[in-house]
Amino acid sequence: VEEVEAHRAGGHVPYRSWCRACVAGRGRSEPHRHVDHTEDAVPTIASDYGFFGEDAEDTNCSPILVTKDSHSGWPTAIVVPTKGLVHPFGTTCMVREVLRSTYANVLLKSDQERALVAVKDAAMVKLKEMGVNVSKEVSLQAESQSNGLVEETVKAVKGVARSFKHMVEETHKITITKSDPVLPWLVRFAAAMLARNSK
């Protein structure tokens, strides 16, 4: 009983096959492969978009902007109103995460998705105005593994958030819908729980 309570209090991280919420949210989880980025010459903050729905391909939900810091291993995830620059919140979030890292030199990395590159470019303008030495890298389309630092984090955040959703629904006998305001909180909290278990 103590182990179960400690696991629930720890945010369902790490994955446990005996936990109904973990299995509901992530299924049979593969072992986590840790990649050491501490020797990277310049700290990298990688970013990617995801969607939080029961179906991994469900794009009818609000997008999630996910970042991962190569040096600290710190992940963040926040639901944004739209992809790209239609709403400024995504740019604000990316700037905030870079400033939070306190790096004087930083590399912003992403795949080639135009909406994400636009947010990254807008964030770079603001960061340079604040005195941060920032550069960017865009992974080649043929090299899907080159942005793996954050792609695995997107999957992990969605899995942990689904575990929380299942636990809340089962505990309180309710159904959480796509429009419920608790969902953005679940996504942020999922990233925070993963951060607690980062290197």
C-alpha atoms as a PDB file:
ATOM      1  CA  VAL A   1       0.000   0.000   0.000  1.00  0.00           C
ATOM      2  CA  GLU A   2       2.840   2.409   0.826  1.00  0.00           C
ATOM      3  CA  GLU A   3       4.484   1.751  -2.531  1.00  0.00           C
ATOM      4  CA  VAL A   4       1.207   2.449  -4.361  1.00  0.00           C
ATOM      5  CA  GLU A   5       0.642   5.717  -2.509  1.00  0.00           C
ATOM      6  CA  ALA A   6       4.245   6.808  -3.055  1.00  0.00           C
ATOM      7  CA  HIS A   7       3.930   6.036  -6.763  1.00  0.00           C
ATOM      8  CA  ARG A   8       0.722   8.053  -7.064  1.00  0.00           C
ATOM      9  CA  ALA A   9       2.248  10.948  -5.105  1.00  0.00           C
ATOM     10  CA  GLY A  10       5.283  10.781  -7.399  1.00  0.00           C
ATOM     11  CA  GLY A  11       3.125  11.485 -10.424  1.00  0.00           C
ATOM     12  CA  HIS A  12       3.158   7.981 -11.938  1.00  0.00           C
ATOM     13  CA  VAL A  13       6.833   8.392 -12.810  1.00  0.00           C
ATOM     14  CA  PRO A  14       8.570   6.066 -13.388  1.00  0.00           C
ATOM     15  CA  TYR A  15       6.197   3.727 -15.208  1.00  0.00           C
ATOM     16  CA  ARG A  16       4.945   0.746 -13.200  1.00  0.00           C
ATOM     17  CA  SER A  17       3.260  -2.194 -14.943  1.00  0.00           C
ATOM     18  CA  TRP A  18       1.139  -2.938 -11.851  1.00  0.00           C
ATOM     19  CA  CYS A  19      -0.400   0.568 -11.881  1.00  0.00           C
ATOM     20  CA  ARG A  20      -3.747   0.733 -13.700  1.00  0.00           C
ATOM     21  CA  ALA A  21      -3.289   4.429 -14.519  1.00  0.00           C
ATOM     22  CA  CYS A  22       0.195   3.851 -15.973  1.00  0.00           C
ATOM     23  CA  VAL A  23      -1.048   0.998 -18.143  1.00  0.00           C
ATOM     24  CA  ALA A  24      -4.104   3.026 -19.229  1.00  0.00           C
ATOM     25  CA  GLY A  25      -1.961   6.037 -20.100  1.00  0.00           C
ATOM     26  CA  ARG A  26       1.092   4.406 -21.598  1.00  0.00           C
ATOM     27  CA  GLY A  27       0.344   0.729 -22.167  1.00  0.00           C
ATOM     28  CA  ARG A  28       3.375  -1.514 -22.010  1.00  0.00           C
ATOM     29  CA  SER A  29       6.097   1.049 -21.615  1.00  0.00           C
ATOM     30  CA  GLU A  30       9.495   0.423 -23.129  1.00  0.00           C
ATOM     31  CA  PRO A  31      12.536   0.872 -20.882  1.00  0.00           C
ATOM     32  CA  HIS A  32      13.718   4.470 -20.824  1.00  0.00           C
ATOM     33  CA  ARG A  33      16.915   4.956 -22.770  1.00  0.00           C
ATOM     34  CA  HIS A  34      18.934   7.733 -21.223  1.00  0.00           C
ATOM     35  CA  VAL A  35      21.173   9.703 -23.580  1.00  0.00           C
ATOM     36  CA  ASP A  36      23.899  11.754 -21.964  1.00  0.00           C
ATOM     37  CA  HIS A  37      24.114  15.245 -23.480  1.00  0.00           C
ATOM     38  CA  THR A  38      26.266  16.789 -20.760  1.00  0.00           C
ATOM     39  CA  GLU A  39      29.272  16.976 -23.083  1.00  0.00           C
ATOM     40  CA  ASP A  40      27.427  19.022 -25.703  1.00  0.00           C
ATOM     41  CA  ALA A  41      29.523  22.112 -26.436  1.00  0.00           C
ATOM     42  CA  VAL A  42      26.513  24.434 -26.305  1.00  0.00           C
ATOM     43  CA  PRO A  43      23.399  23.741 -24.228  1.00  0.00           C
ATOM     44  CA  THR A  44      20.533  22.749 -26.501  1.00  0.00           C
ATOM     45  CA  ILE A  45      16.856  23.373 -25.926  1.00  0.00           C
ATOM     46  CA  ALA A  46      14.933  21.206 -28.346  1.00  0.00           C
ATOM     47  CA  SER A  47      11.257  21.786 -29.103  1.00  0.00           C
ATOM     48  CA  ASP A  48       8.399  20.003 -30.800  1.00  0.00           C
ATOM     49  CA  TYR A  49       4.610  20.026 -30.989  1.00  0.00           C
ATOM     50  CA  GLY A  50       2.257  17.272 -29.910  1.00  0.00           C
ATOM     51  CA  PHE A  51      -1.471  16.834 -29.385  1.00  0.00           C
ATOM     52  CA  PHE A  52      -3.098  15.441 -26.267  1.00  0.00           C
ATOM     53  CA  GLY A  53      -5.929  13.110 -27.185  1.00  0.00           C
ATOM     54  CA  GLU A  54      -6.871   9.493 -26.664  1.00  0.00           C
ATOM     55  CA  ASP A  55      -5.771   8.873 -30.233  1.00  0.00           C
ATOM     56  CA  ALA A  56      -2.106   9.648 -30.854  1.00  0.00           C
ATOM     57  CA  GLU A  57      -3.042  11.127 -34.234  1.00  0.00           C
ATOM     58  CA  ASP A  58      -5.908  13.281 -32.915  1.00  0.00           C
ATOM     59  CA  THR A  59      -5.156  16.827 -34.097  1.00  0.00           C
ATOM     60  CA  ASN A  60      -8.526  18.252 -33.035  1.00  0.00           C
ATOM     61  CA  CYS A  61      -7.105  19.123 -29.620  1.00  0.00           C
ATOM     62  CA  SER A  62      -5.037  22.173 -28.772  1.00  0.00           C
ATOM     63  CA  PRO A  63      -1.356  21.685 -29.538  1.00  0.00           C
ATOM     64  CA  ILE A  64       1.230  21.132 -26.828  1.00  0.00           C
ATOM     65  CA  LEU A  65       4.589  22.914 -27.072  1.00  0.00           C
ATOM     66  CA  VAL A  66       7.222  20.646 -25.532  1.00  0.00           C
ATOM     67  CA  THR A  67      10.840  21.569 -24.789  1.00  0.00           C
ATOM     68  CA  LYS A  68      13.772  19.562 -23.463  1.00  0.00           C
ATOM     69  CA  ASP A  69      17.070  20.920 -22.114  1.00  0.00           C
ATOM     70  CA  SER A  70      20.035  18.783 -23.177  1.00  0.00           C
ATOM     71  CA  HIS A  71      22.209  19.698 -20.173  1.00  0.00           C
ATOM     72  CA  SER A  72      19.761  19.525 -17.280  1.00  0.00           C
ATOM     73  CA  GLY A  73      17.378  17.034 -18.856  1.00  0.00           C
ATOM     74  CA  TRP A  74      14.556  19.379 -17.823  1.00  0.00           C
ATOM     75  CA  PRO A  75      11.333  18.922 -19.832  1.00  0.00           C
ATOM     76  CA  THR A  76       8.453  21.391 -20.125  1.00  0.00           C
ATOM     77  CA  ALA A  77       5.071  21.103 -21.786  1.00  0.00           C
ATOM     78  CA  ILE A  78       2.336  23.662 -22.152  1.00  0.00           C
ATOM     79  CA  VAL A  79      -0.905  23.723 -24.099  1.00  0.00           C
ATOM     80  CA  VAL A  80      -0.860  26.627 -26.572  1.00  0.00           C
ATOM     81  CA  PRO A  81      -3.854  28.136 -28.407  1.00  0.00           C
ATOM     82  CA  THR A  82      -2.414  27.462 -31.873  1.00  0.00           C
ATOM     83  CA  LYS A  83       0.719  26.369 -33.640  1.00  0.00           C
ATOM     84  CA  GLY A  84       2.916  29.084 -35.108  1.00  0.00           C
ATOM     85  CA  LEU A  85       2.552  32.833 -34.725  1.00  0.00           C
ATOM     86  CA  VAL A  86      -1.239  33.183 -34.914  1.00  0.00           C
ATOM     87  CA  HIS A  87      -1.140  33.667 -31.130  1.00  0.00           C
ATOM     88  CA  PRO A  88       1.979  35.067 -29.353  1.00  0.00           C
ATOM     89  CA  PHE A  89       1.750  32.703 -26.374  1.00  0.00           C
ATOM     90  CA  GLY A  90       3.944  30.014 -27.960  1.00  0.00           C
ATOM     91  CA  THR A  91       6.774  32.483 -28.525  1.00  0.00           C
ATOM     92  CA  THR A  92       6.388  33.804 -24.971  1.00  0.00           C
ATOM     93  CA  CYS A  93       6.658  30.268 -23.595  1.00  0.00           C
ATOM     94  CA  MET A  94       9.810  29.495 -25.573  1.00  0.00           C
ATOM     95  CA  VAL A  95      11.480  32.731 -24.491  1.00  0.00           C
ATOM     96  CA  ARG A  96      10.547  32.027 -20.876  1.00  0.00           C
ATOM     97  CA  GLU A  97      12.093  28.544 -20.945  1.00  0.00           C
ATOM     98  CA  VAL A  98      15.372  29.824 -22.377  1.00  0.00           C
ATOM     99  CA  LEU A  99      15.552  32.604 -19.781  1.00  0.00           C
ATOM    100  CA  ARG A 100      14.738  30.121 -17.023  1.00  0.00           C
ATOM    101  CA  SER A 101      17.723  28.026 -18.071  1.00  0.00           C
ATOM    102  CA  THR A 102      20.035  31.041 -17.384  1.00  0.00           C
ATOM    103  CA  TYR A 103      22.328  30.028 -20.282  1.00  0.00           C
ATOM    104  CA  ALA A 104      24.296  32.870 -21.840  1.00  0.00           C
ATOM    105  CA  ASN A 105      24.770  30.759 -24.974  1.00  0.00           C
ATOM    106  CA  VAL A 106      22.089  28.382 -26.174  1.00  0.00           C
ATOM    107  CA  LEU A 107      21.102  26.439 -29.272  1.00  0.00           C
ATOM    108  CA  LEU A 108      17.408  26.155 -30.182  1.00  0.00           C
ATOM    109  CA  LYS A 109      16.709  22.928 -32.036  1.00  0.00           C
ATOM    110  CA  SER A 110      13.611  21.608 -33.804  1.00  0.00           C
ATOM    111  CA  ASP A 111      12.449  19.722 -36.844  1.00  0.00           C
ATOM    112  CA  GLN A 112      11.492  21.472 -40.092  1.00  0.00           C
ATOM    113  CA  GLU A 113       7.842  22.157 -39.255  1.00  0.00           C
ATOM    114  CA  ARG A 114       7.209  25.698 -40.487  1.00  0.00           C
ATOM    115  CA  ALA A 115       4.984  26.727 -37.585  1.00  0.00           C
ATOM    116  CA  LEU A 116       7.600  25.659 -35.041  1.00  0.00           C
ATOM    117  CA  VAL A 117      10.482  27.261 -36.938  1.00  0.00           C
ATOM    118  CA  ALA A 118       8.495  30.522 -37.042  1.00  0.00           C
ATOM    119  CA  VAL A 119       8.002  30.450 -33.264  1.00  0.00           C
ATOM    120  CA  LYS A 120      11.670  29.662 -32.758  1.00  0.00           C
ATOM    121  CA  ASP A 121      12.744  32.533 -35.026  1.00  0.00           C
ATOM    122  CA  ALA A 122      10.464  34.971 -33.209  1.00  0.00           C
ATOM    123  CA  ALA A 123      11.825  33.777 -29.856  1.00  0.00           C
ATOM    124  CA  MET A 124      15.390  34.260 -31.085  1.00  0.00           C
ATOM    125  CA  VAL A 125      14.691  37.901 -31.958  1.00  0.00           C
ATOM    126  CA  LYS A 126      13.373  38.593 -28.459  1.00  0.00           C
ATOM    127  CA  LEU A 127      16.196  36.678 -26.758  1.00  0.00           C
ATOM    128  CA  LYS A 128      18.904  38.520 -28.696  1.00  0.00           C
ATOM    129  CA  GLU A 129      17.307  41.804 -27.635  1.00  0.00           C
ATOM    130  CA  MET A 130      17.753  40.563 -24.056  1.00  0.00           C
ATOM    131  CA  GLY A 131      21.432  39.792 -24.578  1.00  0.00           C
ATOM    132  CA  VAL A 132      21.235  36.021 -24.950  1.00  0.00           C
ATOM    133  CA  ASN A 133      23.633  34.550 -27.504  1.00  0.00           C
ATOM    134  CA  VAL A 134      21.239  32.215 -29.280  1.00  0.00           C
ATOM    135  CA  SER A 135      21.562  30.171 -32.466  1.00  0.00           C
ATOM    136  CA  LYS A 136      19.308  27.631 -34.123  1.00  0.00           C
ATOM    137  CA  GLU A 137      19.444  24.218 -35.710  1.00  0.00           C
ATOM    138  CA  VAL A 138      16.817  22.525 -37.847  1.00  0.00           C
ATOM    139  CA  SER A 139      17.017  18.758 -38.187  1.00  0.00           C
ATOM    140  CA  LEU A 140      17.037  17.386 -41.714  1.00  0.00           C
ATOM    141  CA  GLN A 141      13.827  15.742 -42.878  1.00  0.00           C
ATOM    142  CA  ALA A 142      15.628  12.494 -43.661  1.00  0.00           C
ATOM    143  CA  GLU A 143      17.166  12.348 -40.194  1.00  0.00           C
ATOM    144  CA  SER A 144      14.185  11.654 -37.951  1.00  0.00           C
ATOM    145  CA  GLN A 145      16.423  10.687 -35.030  1.00  0.00           C
ATOM    146  CA  SER A 146      18.208  14.045 -34.962  1.00  0.00           C
ATOM    147  CA  ASN A 147      15.425  15.658 -32.947  1.00  0.00           C
ATOM    148  CA  GLY A 148      14.956  12.571 -30.782  1.00  0.00           C
ATOM    149  CA  LEU A 149      15.886  14.530 -27.646  1.00  0.00           C
ATOM    150  CA  VAL A 150      12.421  16.073 -27.585  1.00  0.00           C
ATOM    151  CA  GLU A 151      10.377  13.573 -29.614  1.00  0.00           C
ATOM    152  CA  GLU A 152      10.636  10.994 -26.829  1.00  0.00           C
ATOM    153  CA  THR A 153       9.706  13.693 -24.322  1.00  0.00           C
ATOM    154  CA  VAL A 154       6.513  14.473 -26.259  1.00  0.00           C
ATOM    155  CA  LYS A 155       5.514  10.800 -26.017  1.00  0.00           C
ATOM    156  CA  ALA A 156       6.403  10.660 -22.322  1.00  0.00           C
ATOM    157  CA  VAL A 157       4.434  13.809 -21.450  1.00  0.00           C
ATOM    158  CA  LYS A 158       1.357  12.561 -23.282  1.00  0.00           C
ATOM    159  CA  GLY A 159       1.612   9.159 -21.608  1.00  0.00           C
ATOM    160  CA  VAL A 160       1.934  10.551 -18.081  1.00  0.00           C
ATOM    161  CA  ALA A 161      -0.861  13.071 -18.724  1.00  0.00           C
ATOM    162  CA  ARG A 162      -3.119  10.232 -19.899  1.00  0.00           C
ATOM    163  CA  SER A 163      -2.264   8.331 -16.714  1.00  0.00           C
ATOM    164  CA  PHE A 164      -3.325  11.322 -14.608  1.00  0.00           C
ATOM    165  CA  LYS A 165      -6.507  11.693 -16.650  1.00  0.00           C
ATOM    166  CA  HIS A 166      -7.383   8.035 -16.104  1.00  0.00           C
ATOM    167  CA  MET A 167      -6.674   8.266 -12.379  1.00  0.00           C
ATOM    168  CA  VAL A 168      -8.835  11.386 -11.938  1.00  0.00           C
ATOM    169  CA  GLU A 169     -11.691   9.923 -13.964  1.00  0.00           C
ATOM    170  CA  GLU A 170     -11.588   6.621 -12.081  1.00  0.00           C
ATOM    171  CA  THR A 171     -11.265   8.221  -8.658  1.00  0.00           C
ATOM    172  CA  HIS A 172     -13.997  10.832  -9.103  1.00  0.00           C
ATOM    173  CA  LYS A 173     -16.249   8.879 -11.501  1.00  0.00           C
ATOM    174  CA  ILE A 174     -16.180  11.665 -14.088  1.00  0.00           C
ATOM    175  CA  THR A 175     -15.264  12.044 -17.750  1.00  0.00           C
ATOM    176  CA  ILE A 176     -12.755  14.725 -18.705  1.00  0.00           C
ATOM    177  CA  THR A 177     -13.426  16.161 -22.161  1.00  0.00           C
ATOM    178  CA  LYS A 178     -11.142  17.978 -24.603  1.00  0.00           C
ATOM    179  CA  SER A 179     -12.495  21.363 -23.524  1.00  0.00           C
ATOM    180  CA  ASP A 180     -12.108  20.873 -19.769  1.00  0.00           C
ATOM    181  CA  PRO A 181      -9.759  23.480 -18.253  1.00  0.00           C
ATOM    182  CA  VAL A 182      -8.036  20.802 -16.176  1.00  0.00           C
ATOM    183  CA  LEU A 183      -6.342  19.339 -19.272  1.00  0.00           C
ATOM    184  CA  PRO A 184      -3.727  22.115 -19.709  1.00  0.00           C
ATOM    185  CA  TRP A 185      -2.862  21.689 -16.029  1.00  0.00           C
ATOM    186  CA  LEU A 186      -2.534  17.909 -16.448  1.00  0.00           C
ATOM    187  CA  VAL A 187      -0.081  18.431 -19.313  1.00  0.00           C
ATOM    188  CA  ARG A 188       2.093  20.889 -17.357  1.00  0.00           C
ATOM    189  CA  PHE A 189       1.996  18.686 -14.268  1.00  0.00           C
ATOM    190  CA  ALA A 190       3.003  15.633 -16.321  1.00  0.00           C
ATOM    191  CA  ALA A 191       6.125  17.465 -17.516  1.00  0.00           C
ATOM    192  CA  ALA A 192       6.866  18.573 -13.940  1.00  0.00           C
ATOM    193  CA  MET A 193       6.717  14.965 -12.740  1.00  0.00           C
ATOM    194  CA  LEU A 194       9.069  13.898 -15.525  1.00  0.00           C
ATOM    195  CA  ALA A 195      11.384  16.775 -14.545  1.00  0.00           C
ATOM    196  CA  ARG A 196      11.573  15.404 -11.002  1.00  0.00           C
ATOM    197  CA  ASN A 197      13.000  12.216 -12.467  1.00  0.00           C
ATOM    198  CA  SER A 198      15.338  13.871 -14.974  1.00  0.00           C
ATOM    199  CA  LYS A 199      19.063  13.418 -14.608  1.00  0.00           C
END
